[in-house]
Amino acid sequence: MIVRTVLPLPLPLRTRARLRVEHHIDSLGAWLAGHGHPGAAEWLWRACRMI
């Protein structure tokens, strides 16, 4: 089941851009970890200050 959150006002462009970039970084890190490269995933997350 997909749950969508509806915000009362649109987020500012800067916030939407940051969330989009973080989503892509997190997806890439998850892919790396799932394909046998957990060290590279951890390095990516640490480099982007997500850990």
Protein backbone atom coordinates (compact mmCIF):
# COMPACT_ATOMS: atom_id res chain seq x y z
CA MET A 1 0.00 0.00 0.00
CA ILE A 2 1.39 3.39 -0.97
CA VAL A 3 0.78 6.22 1.45
CA ARG A 4 1.24 9.74 0.18
CA THR A 5 1.66 12.73 2.41
CA VAL A 6 0.04 15.92 1.18
CA LEU A 7 1.67 19.09 2.38
CA PRO A 8 -0.48 22.19 2.79
CA LEU A 9 1.94 24.42 0.85
CA PRO A 10 4.48 23.56 -1.84
CA LEU A 11 8.02 23.25 -0.55
CA PRO A 12 10.58 25.81 -1.69
CA LEU A 13 12.66 24.89 -4.73
CA ARG A 14 15.85 24.58 -2.68
CA THR A 15 14.23 22.10 -0.29
CA ARG A 16 12.76 20.01 -3.10
CA ALA A 17 16.14 19.92 -4.86
CA ARG A 18 17.94 18.82 -1.67
CA LEU A 19 15.39 16.06 -1.02
CA ARG A 20 15.67 14.85 -4.61
CA VAL A 21 19.49 14.73 -4.45
CA GLU A 22 19.41 12.91 -1.09
CA HIS A 23 16.94 10.40 -2.51
CA HIS A 24 19.22 9.63 -5.46
CA ILE A 25 22.32 9.35 -3.25
CA ASP A 26 20.48 7.03 -0.88
CA SER A 27 19.19 4.90 -3.77
CA LEU A 28 22.69 4.59 -5.23
CA GLY A 29 24.11 3.63 -1.83
CA ALA A 30 21.42 1.00 -1.36
CA TRP A 31 22.15 -0.40 -4.82
CA LEU A 32 25.88 -0.54 -4.07
CA ALA A 33 25.29 -2.26 -0.73
CA GLY A 34 22.91 -4.74 -2.34
CA HIS A 35 25.41 -5.61 -5.06
CA GLY A 36 28.28 -6.51 -2.77
CA HIS A 37 29.91 -3.11 -2.28
CA PRO A 38 28.96 -2.06 1.26
CA GLY A 39 32.25 -0.21 1.74
CA ALA A 40 31.61 1.97 -1.31
CA ALA A 41 28.06 2.62 -0.12
CA GLU A 42 29.30 3.62 3.32
CA TRP A 43 31.97 5.86 1.80
CA LEU A 44 29.32 7.55 -0.40
CA TRP A 45 26.98 8.15 2.52
CA ARG A 46 29.80 9.46 4.72
CA ALA A 47 31.13 11.72 1.94
CA CYS A 48 27.65 13.20 1.55
CA ARG A 49 27.21 13.45 5.35
CA MET A 50 24.24 11.10 5.35
CA ILE A 51 25.69 8.93 8.17
